């Protein structure tokens, strides 16, 4: 990632690696940097949202994911995280709409309406 400092997708993927290694401070800083450059970058949004959930800041996590959500650019993991968080925050109608759209976008994936 250090050889491609201007590639936000690579930076976001590295932020995810940092998150998986439980290096939350580093992951958070890198994800925030990526989202400044590209507010809709899905991987960076997922990293930052997951950190906010761990910090018990679910409403902020929801806002991050909603800003990154693009109905024209299906993203399986972001949509699943967004819908799951909507359900947790009692936004069942929004979650159902998202899950139905996800089922349409990803017909081969049976997990959407479980």
PDB file of N, CA and C in Angstrom:
ATOM      1  N   UNK A   1       0.815  -1.194   0.000  1.00  0.00           N
ATOM      2  CA  UNK A   1       0.000   0.000   0.000  1.00  0.00           C
ATOM      3  C   UNK A   1       0.857   1.256   0.000  1.00  0.00           C
ATOM      4  N   UNK A   2       2.045   1.164   0.576  1.00  0.00           N
ATOM      5  CA  UNK A   2       2.925   2.335   0.630  1.00  0.00           C
ATOM      6  C   UNK A   2       3.462   2.716  -0.744  1.00  0.00           C
ATOM      7  N   UNK A   3       3.487   1.777  -1.669  1.00  0.00           N
ATOM      8  CA  UNK A   3       3.960   2.085  -3.015  1.00  0.00           C
ATOM      9  C   UNK A   3       2.880   2.732  -3.870  1.00  0.00           C
ATOM     10  N   UNK A   4       1.642   2.729  -3.373  1.00  0.00           N
ATOM     11  CA  UNK A   4       0.524   3.322  -4.118  1.00  0.00           C
ATOM     12  C   UNK A   4      -0.262   4.267  -3.207  1.00  0.00           C
ATOM     13  N   UNK A   5       0.378   5.334  -2.719  1.00  0.00           N
ATOM     14  CA  UNK A   5      -0.288   6.197  -1.736  1.00  0.00           C
ATOM     15  C   UNK A   5      -1.498   6.956  -2.262  1.00  0.00           C
ATOM     16  N   UNK A   6      -1.646   7.065  -3.577  1.00  0.00           N
ATOM     17  CA  UNK A   6      -2.781   7.797  -4.137  1.00  0.00           C
ATOM     18  C   UNK A   6      -3.924   6.880  -4.578  1.00  0.00           C
ATOM     19  N   UNK A   7      -3.734   5.590  -4.436  1.00  0.00           N
ATOM     20  CA  UNK A   7      -4.761   4.625  -4.836  1.00  0.00           C
ATOM     21  C   UNK A   7      -5.671   4.351  -3.636  1.00  0.00           C
ATOM     22  N   UNK A   8      -6.842   4.982  -3.633  1.00  0.00           N
ATOM     23  CA  UNK A   8      -7.724   4.858  -2.467  1.00  0.00           C
ATOM     24  C   UNK A   8      -8.215   3.428  -2.259  1.00  0.00           C
ATOM     25  N   UNK A   9      -8.411   2.679  -3.323  1.00  0.00           N
ATOM     26  CA  UNK A   9      -8.866   1.291  -3.159  1.00  0.00           C
ATOM     27  C   UNK A   9      -7.811   0.455  -2.438  1.00  0.00           C
ATOM     28  N   UNK A  10      -6.554   0.633  -2.809  1.00  0.00           N
ATOM     29  CA  UNK A  10      -5.473  -0.090  -2.142  1.00  0.00           C
ATOM     30  C   UNK A  10      -5.346   0.348  -0.691  1.00  0.00           C
ATOM     31  N   UNK A  11      -5.456   1.638  -0.457  1.00  0.00           N
ATOM     32  CA  UNK A  11      -5.393   2.165   0.909  1.00  0.00           C
ATOM     33  C   UNK A  11      -6.546   1.605   1.751  1.00  0.00           C
ATOM     34  N   UNK A  12      -7.719   1.529   1.167  1.00  0.00           N
ATOM     35  CA  UNK A  12      -8.888   1.001   1.889  1.00  0.00           C
ATOM     36  C   UNK A  12      -8.700  -0.481   2.206  1.00  0.00           C
ATOM     37  N   UNK A  13      -8.169  -1.232   1.264  1.00  0.00           N
ATOM     38  CA  UNK A  13      -7.920  -2.658   1.512  1.00  0.00           C
ATOM     39  C   UNK A  13      -6.905  -2.837   2.640  1.00  0.00           C
ATOM     40  N   UNK A  14      -5.908  -1.981   2.679  1.00  0.00           N
ATOM     41  CA  UNK A  14      -4.929  -2.078   3.761  1.00  0.00           C
ATOM     42  C   UNK A  14      -5.572  -1.696   5.101  1.00  0.00           C
ATOM     43  N   UNK A  15      -6.458  -0.740   5.092  1.00  0.00           N
ATOM     44  CA  UNK A  15      -7.189  -0.393   6.322  1.00  0.00           C
ATOM     45  C   UNK A  15      -7.974  -1.614   6.816  1.00  0.00           C
ATOM     46  N   UNK A  16      -8.551  -2.382   5.890  1.00  0.00           N
ATOM     47  CA  UNK A  16      -9.273  -3.597   6.271  1.00  0.00           C
ATOM     48  C   UNK A  16      -8.316  -4.619   6.886  1.00  0.00           C
ATOM     49  N   UNK A  17      -7.126  -4.758   6.315  1.00  0.00           N
ATOM     50  CA  UNK A  17      -6.120  -5.661   6.874  1.00  0.00           C
ATOM     51  C   UNK A  17      -5.766  -5.232   8.300  1.00  0.00           C
ATOM     52  N   UNK A  18      -5.583  -3.942   8.492  1.00  0.00           N
ATOM     53  CA  UNK A  18      -5.280  -3.429   9.825  1.00  0.00           C
ATOM     54  C   UNK A  18      -6.419  -3.727  10.805  1.00  0.00           C
ATOM     55  N   UNK A  19      -7.647  -3.560  10.344  1.00  0.00           N
ATOM     56  CA  UNK A  19      -8.802  -3.877  11.189  1.00  0.00           C
ATOM     57  C   UNK A  19      -8.801  -5.356  11.577  1.00  0.00           C
ATOM     58  N   UNK A  20      -8.576  -6.213  10.610  1.00  0.00           N
ATOM     59  CA  UNK A  20      -8.557  -7.650  10.881  1.00  0.00           C
ATOM     60  C   UNK A  20      -7.420  -8.041  11.818  1.00  0.00           C
ATOM     61  N   UNK A  21      -6.365  -7.264  11.817  1.00  0.00           N
ATOM     62  CA  UNK A  21      -5.244  -7.504  12.740  1.00  0.00           C
ATOM     63  C   UNK A  21      -5.458  -6.813  14.078  1.00  0.00           C
ATOM     64  N   UNK A  22      -6.624  -6.205  14.230  1.00  0.00           N
ATOM     65  CA  UNK A  22      -7.021  -5.505  15.450  1.00  0.00           C
ATOM     66  C   UNK A  22      -6.157  -4.279  15.765  1.00  0.00           C
ATOM     67  N   UNK A  23      -5.639  -3.675  14.730  1.00  0.00           N
ATOM     68  CA  UNK A  23      -4.892  -2.427  14.872  1.00  0.00           C
ATOM     69  C   UNK A  23      -5.878  -1.294  14.593  1.00  0.00           C
ATOM     70  N   UNK A  24      -6.784  -1.102  15.539  1.00  0.00           N
ATOM     71  CA  UNK A  24      -7.930  -0.218  15.320  1.00  0.00           C
ATOM     72  C   UNK A  24      -7.537   1.233  15.085  1.00  0.00           C
ATOM     73  N   UNK A  25      -6.578   1.742  15.827  1.00  0.00           N
ATOM     74  CA  UNK A  25      -6.195   3.148  15.653  1.00  0.00           C
ATOM     75  C   UNK A  25      -5.640   3.407  14.258  1.00  0.00           C
ATOM     76  N   UNK A  26      -4.777   2.502  13.795  1.00  0.00           N
ATOM     77  CA  UNK A  26      -4.195   2.655  12.458  1.00  0.00           C
ATOM     78  C   UNK A  26      -5.262   2.478  11.376  1.00  0.00           C
ATOM     79  N   UNK A  27      -6.121   1.498  11.567  1.00  0.00           N
ATOM     80  CA  UNK A  27      -7.193   1.254  10.593  1.00  0.00           C
ATOM     81  C   UNK A  27      -8.125   2.457  10.510  1.00  0.00           C
ATOM     82  N   UNK A  28      -8.477   2.994  11.670  1.00  0.00           N
ATOM     83  CA  UNK A  28      -9.367   4.151  11.722  1.00  0.00           C
ATOM     84  C   UNK A  28      -8.747   5.352  11.007  1.00  0.00           C
ATOM     85  N   UNK A  29      -7.492   5.639  11.293  1.00  0.00           N
ATOM     86  CA  UNK A  29      -6.826   6.791  10.672  1.00  0.00           C
ATOM     87  C   UNK A  29      -6.755   6.639   9.158  1.00  0.00           C
ATOM     88  N   UNK A  30      -6.411   5.450   8.695  1.00  0.00           N
ATOM     89  CA  UNK A  30      -6.300   5.240   7.254  1.00  0.00           C
ATOM     90  C   UNK A  30      -7.670   5.283   6.575  1.00  0.00           C
ATOM     91  N   UNK A  31      -8.680   4.675   7.190  1.00  0.00           N
ATOM     92  CA  UNK A  31     -10.030   4.700   6.612  1.00  0.00           C
ATOM     93  C   UNK A  31     -10.562   6.131   6.533  1.00  0.00           C
ATOM     94  N   UNK A  32     -10.324   6.908   7.574  1.00  0.00           N
ATOM     95  CA  UNK A  32     -10.761   8.308   7.550  1.00  0.00           C
ATOM     96  C   UNK A  32     -10.068   9.083   6.426  1.00  0.00           C
ATOM     97  N   UNK A  33      -8.768   8.835   6.243  1.00  0.00           N
ATOM     98  CA  UNK A  33      -8.008   9.490   5.169  1.00  0.00           C
ATOM     99  C   UNK A  33      -8.596   9.128   3.801  1.00  0.00           C
ATOM    100  N   UNK A  34      -8.903   7.861   3.614  1.00  0.00           N
ATOM    101  CA  UNK A  34      -9.482   7.410   2.346  1.00  0.00           C
ATOM    102  C   UNK A  34     -10.838   8.061   2.120  1.00  0.00           C
ATOM    103  N   UNK A  35     -11.666   8.124   3.160  1.00  0.00           N
ATOM    104  CA  UNK A  35     -13.016   8.680   3.006  1.00  0.00           C
ATOM    105  C   UNK A  35     -12.998  10.184   2.758  1.00  0.00           C
ATOM    106  N   UNK A  36     -11.934  10.852   3.172  1.00  0.00           N
ATOM    107  CA  UNK A  36     -11.793  12.271   2.820  1.00  0.00           C
ATOM    108  C   UNK A  36     -11.575  12.390   1.308  1.00  0.00           C
ATOM    109  N   UNK A  37     -10.753  11.497   0.773  1.00  0.00           N
ATOM    110  CA  UNK A  37     -10.472  11.523  -0.670  1.00  0.00           C
ATOM    111  C   UNK A  37     -11.645  11.010  -1.491  1.00  0.00           C
ATOM    112  N   UNK A  38     -12.346  10.011  -0.960  1.00  0.00           N
ATOM    113  CA  UNK A  38     -13.463   9.390  -1.686  1.00  0.00           C
ATOM    114  C   UNK A  38     -14.536   8.972  -0.682  1.00  0.00           C
ATOM    115  N   UNK A  39     -15.507   9.860  -0.398  1.00  0.00           N
ATOM    116  CA  UNK A  39     -16.516   9.584   0.630  1.00  0.00           C
ATOM    117  C   UNK A  39     -17.379   8.343   0.381  1.00  0.00           C
ATOM    118  N   UNK A  40     -17.377   7.829  -0.832  1.00  0.00           N
ATOM    119  CA  UNK A  40     -18.192   6.651  -1.151  1.00  0.00           C
ATOM    120  C   UNK A  40     -17.369   5.373  -1.250  1.00  0.00           C
ATOM    121  N   UNK A  41     -16.098   5.405  -0.839  1.00  0.00           N
ATOM    122  CA  UNK A  41     -15.243   4.229  -0.944  1.00  0.00           C
ATOM    123  C   UNK A  41     -15.792   3.153   0.000  1.00  0.00           C
ATOM    124  N   UNK A  42     -16.326   2.051  -0.530  1.00  0.00           N
ATOM    125  CA  UNK A  42     -17.054   1.094   0.301  1.00  0.00           C
ATOM    126  C   UNK A  42     -16.204   0.365   1.341  1.00  0.00           C
ATOM    127  N   UNK A  43     -15.005  -0.027   0.998  1.00  0.00           N
ATOM    128  CA  UNK A  43     -14.191  -0.771   1.955  1.00  0.00           C
ATOM    129  C   UNK A  43     -13.791   0.120   3.131  1.00  0.00           C
ATOM    130  N   UNK A  44     -13.386   1.333   2.842  1.00  0.00           N
ATOM    131  CA  UNK A  44     -13.030   2.267   3.918  1.00  0.00           C
ATOM    132  C   UNK A  44     -14.249   2.563   4.795  1.00  0.00           C
ATOM    133  N   UNK A  45     -15.406   2.708   4.176  1.00  0.00           N
ATOM    134  CA  UNK A  45     -16.634   2.952   4.943  1.00  0.00           C
ATOM    135  C   UNK A  45     -16.937   1.774   5.867  1.00  0.00           C
ATOM    136  N   UNK A  46     -16.756   0.558   5.371  1.00  0.00           N
ATOM    137  CA  UNK A  46     -17.008  -0.615   6.211  1.00  0.00           C
ATOM    138  C   UNK A  46     -16.029  -0.682   7.377  1.00  0.00           C
ATOM    139  N   UNK A  47     -14.762  -0.374   7.112  1.00  0.00           N
ATOM    140  CA  UNK A  47     -13.760  -0.380   8.182  1.00  0.00           C
ATOM    141  C   UNK A  47     -14.154   0.609   9.262  1.00  0.00           C
ATOM    142  N   UNK A  48     -14.411   1.849   8.864  1.00  0.00           N
ATOM    143  CA  UNK A  48     -14.729   2.883   9.842  1.00  0.00           C
ATOM    144  C   UNK A  48     -16.043   2.584  10.561  1.00  0.00           C
ATOM    145  N   UNK A  49     -17.025   2.088   9.842  1.00  0.00           N
ATOM    146  CA  UNK A  49     -18.311   1.751  10.468  1.00  0.00           C
ATOM    147  C   UNK A  49     -18.140   0.629  11.496  1.00  0.00           C
ATOM    148  N   UNK A  50     -17.364  -0.380  11.169  1.00  0.00           N
ATOM    149  CA  UNK A  50     -17.159  -1.475  12.115  1.00  0.00           C
ATOM    150  C   UNK A  50     -16.444  -0.991  13.375  1.00  0.00           C
ATOM    151  N   UNK A  51     -15.510  -0.074  13.216  1.00  0.00           N
ATOM    152  CA  UNK A  51     -14.837   0.499  14.375  1.00  0.00           C
ATOM    153  C   UNK A  51     -15.838   1.286  15.218  1.00  0.00           C
ATOM    154  N   UNK A  52     -16.701   2.053  14.562  1.00  0.00           N
ATOM    155  CA  UNK A  52     -17.710   2.817  15.314  1.00  0.00           C
ATOM    156  C   UNK A  52     -18.677   1.886  16.064  1.00  0.00           C
ATOM    157  N   UNK A  53     -19.012   0.764  15.478  1.00  0.00           N
ATOM    158  CA  UNK A  53     -19.875  -0.205  16.168  1.00  0.00           C
ATOM    159  C   UNK A  53     -19.173  -0.725  17.414  1.00  0.00           C
ATOM    160  N   UNK A  54     -17.908  -1.063  17.288  1.00  0.00           N
ATOM    161  CA  UNK A  54     -17.133  -1.531  18.447  1.00  0.00           C
ATOM    162  C   UNK A  54     -17.117  -0.457  19.538  1.00  0.00           C
ATOM    163  N   UNK A  55     -17.076   0.794  19.122  1.00  0.00           N
ATOM    164  CA  UNK A  55     -17.064   1.921  20.060  1.00  0.00           C
ATOM    165  C   UNK A  55     -18.466   2.278  20.554  1.00  0.00           C
ATOM    166  N   UNK A  56     -19.441   1.453  20.199  1.00  0.00           N
ATOM    167  CA  UNK A  56     -20.846   1.672  20.598  1.00  0.00           C
ATOM    168  C   UNK A  56     -21.420   2.950  20.007  1.00  0.00           C
ATOM    169  N   UNK A  57     -20.987   3.297  18.789  1.00  0.00           N
ATOM    170  CA  UNK A  57     -21.474   4.482  18.082  1.00  0.00           C
ATOM    171  C   UNK A  57     -22.213   4.037  16.823  1.00  0.00           C
ATOM    172  N   UNK A  58     -23.291   3.270  17.029  1.00  0.00           N
ATOM    173  CA  UNK A  58     -24.008   2.680  15.904  1.00  0.00           C
ATOM    174  C   UNK A  58     -24.630   3.710  14.969  1.00  0.00           C
ATOM    175  N   UNK A  59     -25.136   4.803  15.515  1.00  0.00           N
ATOM    176  CA  UNK A  59     -25.746   5.837  14.661  1.00  0.00           C
ATOM    177  C   UNK A  59     -24.712   6.460  13.725  1.00  0.00           C
ATOM    178  N   UNK A  60     -23.516   6.673  14.222  1.00  0.00           N
ATOM    179  CA  UNK A  60     -22.441   7.216  13.387  1.00  0.00           C
ATOM    180  C   UNK A  60     -22.049   6.191  12.330  1.00  0.00           C
ATOM    181  N   UNK A  61     -21.972   4.920  12.734  1.00  0.00           N
ATOM    182  CA  UNK A  61     -21.653   3.852  11.780  1.00  0.00           C
ATOM    183  C   UNK A  61     -22.696   3.807  10.671  1.00  0.00           C
ATOM    184  N   UNK A  62     -23.964   3.926  11.036  1.00  0.00           N
ATOM    185  CA  UNK A  62     -25.037   3.920  10.052  1.00  0.00           C
ATOM    186  C   UNK A  62     -24.875   5.084   9.070  1.00  0.00           C
ATOM    187  N   UNK A  63     -24.559   6.253   9.592  1.00  0.00           N
ATOM    188  CA  UNK A  63     -24.368   7.426   8.736  1.00  0.00           C
ATOM    189  C   UNK A  63     -23.218   7.209   7.755  1.00  0.00           C
ATOM    190  N   UNK A  64     -22.127   6.628   8.208  1.00  0.00           N
ATOM    191  CA  UNK A  64     -20.979   6.354   7.343  1.00  0.00           C
ATOM    192  C   UNK A  64     -21.386   5.419   6.208  1.00  0.00           C
ATOM    193  N   UNK A  65     -22.096   4.357   6.555  1.00  0.00           N
ATOM    194  CA  UNK A  65     -22.508   3.379   5.542  1.00  0.00           C
ATOM    195  C   UNK A  65     -23.528   3.964   4.576  1.00  0.00           C
ATOM    196  N   UNK A  66     -24.446   4.769   5.084  1.00  0.00           N
ATOM    197  CA  UNK A  66     -25.448   5.382   4.203  1.00  0.00           C
ATOM    198  C   UNK A  66     -24.798   6.336   3.212  1.00  0.00           C
ATOM    199  N   UNK A  67     -23.756   7.056   3.638  1.00  0.00           N
ATOM    200  CA  UNK A  67     -23.054   7.958   2.717  1.00  0.00           C
ATOM    201  C   UNK A  67     -22.324   7.174   1.625  1.00  0.00           C
ATOM    202  N   UNK A  68     -21.842   5.984   1.964  1.00  0.00           N
ATOM    203  CA  UNK A  68     -21.107   5.173   0.990  1.00  0.00           C
ATOM    204  C   UNK A  68     -22.033   4.348   0.097  1.00  0.00           C
ATOM    205  N   UNK A  69     -23.261   4.153   0.526  1.00  0.00           N
ATOM    206  CA  UNK A  69     -24.221   3.337  -0.231  1.00  0.00           C
ATOM    207  C   UNK A  69     -24.515   3.979  -1.582  1.00  0.00           C
ATOM    208  N   UNK A  70     -24.401   3.171  -2.621  1.00  0.00           N
ATOM    209  CA  UNK A  70     -24.720   3.626  -3.979  1.00  0.00           C
ATOM    210  C   UNK A  70     -25.601   2.547  -4.616  1.00  0.00           C
ATOM    211  N   UNK A  71     -26.886   2.822  -4.811  1.00  0.00           N
ATOM    212  CA  UNK A  71     -27.775   1.800  -5.374  1.00  0.00           C
ATOM    213  C   UNK A  71     -27.392   1.380  -6.786  1.00  0.00           C
ATOM    214  N   UNK A  72     -26.606   2.197  -7.461  1.00  0.00           N
ATOM    215  CA  UNK A  72     -26.177   1.876  -8.830  1.00  0.00           C
ATOM    216  C   UNK A  72     -24.888   1.045  -8.858  1.00  0.00           C
ATOM    217  N   UNK A  73     -24.235   0.930  -7.723  1.00  0.00           N
ATOM    218  CA  UNK A  73     -22.984   0.171  -7.622  1.00  0.00           C
ATOM    219  C   UNK A  73     -23.135  -0.893  -6.536  1.00  0.00           C
ATOM    220  N   UNK A  74     -23.746  -2.017  -6.843  1.00  0.00           N
ATOM    221  CA  UNK A  74     -23.971  -3.046  -5.815  1.00  0.00           C
ATOM    222  C   UNK A  74     -22.663  -3.479  -5.148  1.00  0.00           C
ATOM    223  N   UNK A  75     -22.705  -3.533  -3.844  1.00  0.00           N
ATOM    224  CA  UNK A  75     -21.547  -3.968  -3.055  1.00  0.00           C
ATOM    225  C   UNK A  75     -22.076  -4.880  -1.950  1.00  0.00           C
ATOM    226  N   UNK A  76     -21.904  -6.150  -2.153  1.00  0.00           N
ATOM    227  CA  UNK A  76     -22.487  -7.187  -1.291  1.00  0.00           C
ATOM    228  C   UNK A  76     -22.191  -6.959   0.190  1.00  0.00           C
ATOM    229  N   UNK A  77     -20.939  -6.787   0.547  1.00  0.00           N
ATOM    230  CA  UNK A  77     -20.569  -6.686   1.962  1.00  0.00           C
ATOM    231  C   UNK A  77     -21.076  -5.381   2.592  1.00  0.00           C
ATOM    232  N   UNK A  78     -20.942  -4.271   1.864  1.00  0.00           N
ATOM    233  CA  UNK A  78     -21.427  -3.004   2.408  1.00  0.00           C
ATOM    234  C   UNK A  78     -22.937  -3.052   2.594  1.00  0.00           C
ATOM    235  N   UNK A  79     -23.639  -3.580   1.592  1.00  0.00           N
ATOM    236  CA  UNK A  79     -25.093  -3.644   1.692  1.00  0.00           C
ATOM    237  C   UNK A  79     -25.531  -4.545   2.847  1.00  0.00           C
ATOM    238  N   UNK A  80     -24.829  -5.650   3.062  1.00  0.00           N
ATOM    239  CA  UNK A  80     -25.185  -6.548   4.156  1.00  0.00           C
ATOM    240  C   UNK A  80     -24.935  -5.870   5.499  1.00  0.00           C
ATOM    241  N   UNK A  81     -23.802  -5.201   5.638  1.00  0.00           N
ATOM    242  CA  UNK A  81     -23.505  -4.502   6.886  1.00  0.00           C
ATOM    243  C   UNK A  81     -24.505  -3.385   7.138  1.00  0.00           C
ATOM    244  N   UNK A  82     -24.829  -2.634   6.096  1.00  0.00           N
ATOM    245  CA  UNK A  82     -25.809  -1.551   6.227  1.00  0.00           C
ATOM    246  C   UNK A  82     -27.172  -2.103   6.639  1.00  0.00           C
ATOM    247  N   UNK A  83     -27.644  -3.121   5.966  1.00  0.00           N
ATOM    248  CA  UNK A  83     -28.948  -3.700   6.302  1.00  0.00           C
ATOM    249  C   UNK A  83     -28.987  -4.290   7.693  1.00  0.00           C
ATOM    250  N   UNK A  84     -27.917  -4.948   8.094  1.00  0.00           N
ATOM    251  CA  UNK A  84     -27.846  -5.528   9.437  1.00  0.00           C
ATOM    252  C   UNK A  84     -27.891  -4.433  10.496  1.00  0.00           C
ATOM    253  N   UNK A  85     -27.172  -3.352  10.263  1.00  0.00           N
ATOM    254  CA  UNK A  85     -27.175  -2.238  11.207  1.00  0.00           C
ATOM    255  C   UNK A  85     -28.538  -1.551  11.234  1.00  0.00           C
ATOM    256  N   UNK A  86     -29.179  -1.427  10.081  1.00  0.00           N
ATOM    257  CA  UNK A  86     -30.536  -0.858  10.052  1.00  0.00           C
ATOM    258  C   UNK A  86     -31.483  -1.701  10.899  1.00  0.00           C
ATOM    259  N   UNK A  87     -31.367  -3.012  10.790  1.00  0.00           N
ATOM    260  CA  UNK A  87     -32.219  -3.892  11.599  1.00  0.00           C
ATOM    261  C   UNK A  87     -31.934  -3.683  13.088  1.00  0.00           C
ATOM    262  N   UNK A  88     -30.680  -3.609  13.445  1.00  0.00           N
ATOM    263  CA  UNK A  88     -30.295  -3.427  14.847  1.00  0.00           C
ATOM    264  C   UNK A  88     -30.839  -2.115  15.401  1.00  0.00           C
ATOM    265  N   UNK A  89     -30.916  -1.100  14.546  1.00  0.00           N
ATOM    266  CA  UNK A  89     -31.381   0.220  14.980  1.00  0.00           C
ATOM    267  C   UNK A  89     -32.867   0.432  14.703  1.00  0.00           C
ATOM    268  N   UNK A  90     -33.594  -0.677  14.560  1.00  0.00           N
ATOM    269  CA  UNK A  90     -35.052  -0.645  14.384  1.00  0.00           C
ATOM    270  C   UNK A  90     -35.514   0.116  13.147  1.00  0.00           C
ATOM    271  N   UNK A  91     -34.760   0.001  12.077  1.00  0.00           N
ATOM    272  CA  UNK A  91     -35.150   0.589  10.798  1.00  0.00           C
ATOM    273  C   UNK A  91     -35.509  -0.550   9.839  1.00  0.00           C
ATOM    274  N   UNK A  92     -36.490  -1.332  10.261  1.00  0.00           N
ATOM    275  CA  UNK A  92     -36.835  -2.542   9.528  1.00  0.00           C
ATOM    276  C   UNK A  92     -37.268  -2.273   8.093  1.00  0.00           C
ATOM    277  N   UNK A  93     -38.034  -1.211   7.877  1.00  0.00           N
ATOM    278  CA  UNK A  93     -38.520  -0.919   6.534  1.00  0.00           C
ATOM    279  C   UNK A  93     -37.346  -0.631   5.583  1.00  0.00           C
ATOM    280  N   UNK A  94     -36.415   0.188   6.039  1.00  0.00           N
ATOM    281  CA  UNK A  94     -35.236   0.491   5.210  1.00  0.00           C
ATOM    282  C   UNK A  94     -34.418  -0.768   4.965  1.00  0.00           C
ATOM    283  N   UNK A  95     -34.246  -1.577   5.994  1.00  0.00           N
ATOM    284  CA  UNK A  95     -33.477  -2.818   5.857  1.00  0.00           C
ATOM    285  C   UNK A  95     -34.150  -3.761   4.869  1.00  0.00           C
ATOM    286  N   UNK A  96     -35.458  -3.891   4.960  1.00  0.00           N
ATOM    287  CA  UNK A  96     -36.174  -4.779   4.050  1.00  0.00           C
ATOM    288  C   UNK A  96     -36.021  -4.305   2.602  1.00  0.00           C
ATOM    289  N   UNK A  97     -36.159  -3.003   2.374  1.00  0.00           N
ATOM    290  CA  UNK A  97     -35.978  -2.466   1.024  1.00  0.00           C
ATOM    291  C   UNK A  97     -34.572  -2.758   0.506  1.00  0.00           C
ATOM    292  N   UNK A  98     -33.581  -2.586   1.372  1.00  0.00           N
ATOM    293  CA  UNK A  98     -32.202  -2.852   0.970  1.00  0.00           C
ATOM    294  C   UNK A  98     -31.997  -4.332   0.695  1.00  0.00           C
ATOM    295  N   UNK A  99     -32.533  -5.192   1.548  1.00  0.00           N
ATOM    296  CA  UNK A  99     -32.364  -6.628   1.346  1.00  0.00           C
ATOM    297  C   UNK A  99     -33.056  -7.093   0.066  1.00  0.00           C
ATOM    298  N   UNK A 100     -34.215  -6.522  -0.244  1.00  0.00           N
ATOM    299  CA  UNK A 100     -34.887  -6.874  -1.495  1.00  0.00           C
ATOM    300  C   UNK A 100     -34.074  -6.419  -2.705  1.00  0.00           C
ATOM    301  N   UNK A 101     -33.515  -5.215  -2.615  1.00  0.00           N
ATOM    302  CA  UNK A 101     -32.653  -4.725  -3.699  1.00  0.00           C
ATOM    303  C   UNK A 101     -31.402  -5.596  -3.812  1.00  0.00           C
ATOM    304  N   UNK A 102     -30.887  -6.021  -2.686  1.00  0.00           N
ATOM    305  CA  UNK A 102     -29.700  -6.880  -2.673  1.00  0.00           C
ATOM    306  C   UNK A 102     -29.999  -8.246  -3.273  1.00  0.00           C
ATOM    307  N   UNK A 103     -31.163  -8.765  -2.965  1.00  0.00           N
ATOM    308  CA  UNK A 103     -31.560 -10.056  -3.524  1.00  0.00           C
ATOM    309  C   UNK A 103     -31.637  -9.961  -5.049  1.00  0.00           C
ATOM    310  N   UNK A 104     -32.103  -8.830  -5.525  1.00  0.00           N
ATOM    311  CA  UNK A 104     -32.182  -8.593  -6.976  1.00  0.00           C
ATOM    312  C   UNK A 104     -30.782  -8.448  -7.585  1.00  0.00           C
ATOM    313  N   UNK A 105     -29.902  -7.724  -6.888  1.00  0.00           N
ATOM    314  CA  UNK A 105     -28.555  -7.487  -7.401  1.00  0.00           C
ATOM    315  C   UNK A 105     -27.674  -8.731  -7.317  1.00  0.00           C
ATOM    316  N   UNK A 106     -27.960  -9.583  -6.327  1.00  0.00           N
ATOM    317  CA  UNK A 106     -27.137 -10.777  -6.088  1.00  0.00           C
ATOM    318  C   UNK A 106     -28.032 -12.012  -5.997  1.00  0.00           C
ATOM    319  N   UNK A 107     -28.660 -12.402  -7.098  1.00  0.00           N
ATOM    320  CA  UNK A 107     -29.627 -13.508  -7.037  1.00  0.00           C
ATOM    321  C   UNK A 107     -29.000 -14.852  -6.661  1.00  0.00           C
ATOM    322  N   UNK A 108     -27.693 -14.973  -6.796  1.00  0.00           N
ATOM    323  CA  UNK A 108     -27.026 -16.233  -6.457  1.00  0.00           C
ATOM    324  C   UNK A 108     -26.708 -16.358  -4.972  1.00  0.00           C
ATOM    325  N   UNK A 109     -26.982 -15.310  -4.192  1.00  0.00           N
ATOM    326  CA  UNK A 109     -26.636 -15.309  -2.777  1.00  0.00           C
ATOM    327  C   UNK A 109     -27.903 -15.487  -1.941  1.00  0.00           C
ATOM    328  N   UNK A 110     -28.073 -16.644  -1.299  1.00  0.00           N
ATOM    329  CA  UNK A 110     -29.316 -16.938  -0.575  1.00  0.00           C
ATOM    330  C   UNK A 110     -29.438 -16.282   0.803  1.00  0.00           C
ATOM    331  N   UNK A 111     -28.434 -15.553   1.271  1.00  0.00           N
ATOM    332  CA  UNK A 111     -28.460 -15.059   2.645  1.00  0.00           C
ATOM    333  C   UNK A 111     -29.286 -13.791   2.861  1.00  0.00           C
ATOM    334  N   UNK A 112     -29.717 -13.133   1.820  1.00  0.00           N
ATOM    335  CA  UNK A 112     -30.314 -11.806   2.001  1.00  0.00           C
ATOM    336  C   UNK A 112     -31.571 -11.792   2.849  1.00  0.00           C
ATOM    337  N   UNK A 113     -32.441 -12.724   2.671  1.00  0.00           N
ATOM    338  CA  UNK A 113     -33.713 -12.659   3.401  1.00  0.00           C
ATOM    339  C   UNK A 113     -33.846 -13.734   4.472  1.00  0.00           C
ATOM    340  N   UNK A 114     -32.735 -14.184   4.988  1.00  0.00           N
ATOM    341  CA  UNK A 114     -32.763 -15.170   6.073  1.00  0.00           C
ATOM    342  C   UNK A 114     -33.283 -14.569   7.335  1.00  0.00           C
TER     343      UNK A 114
END
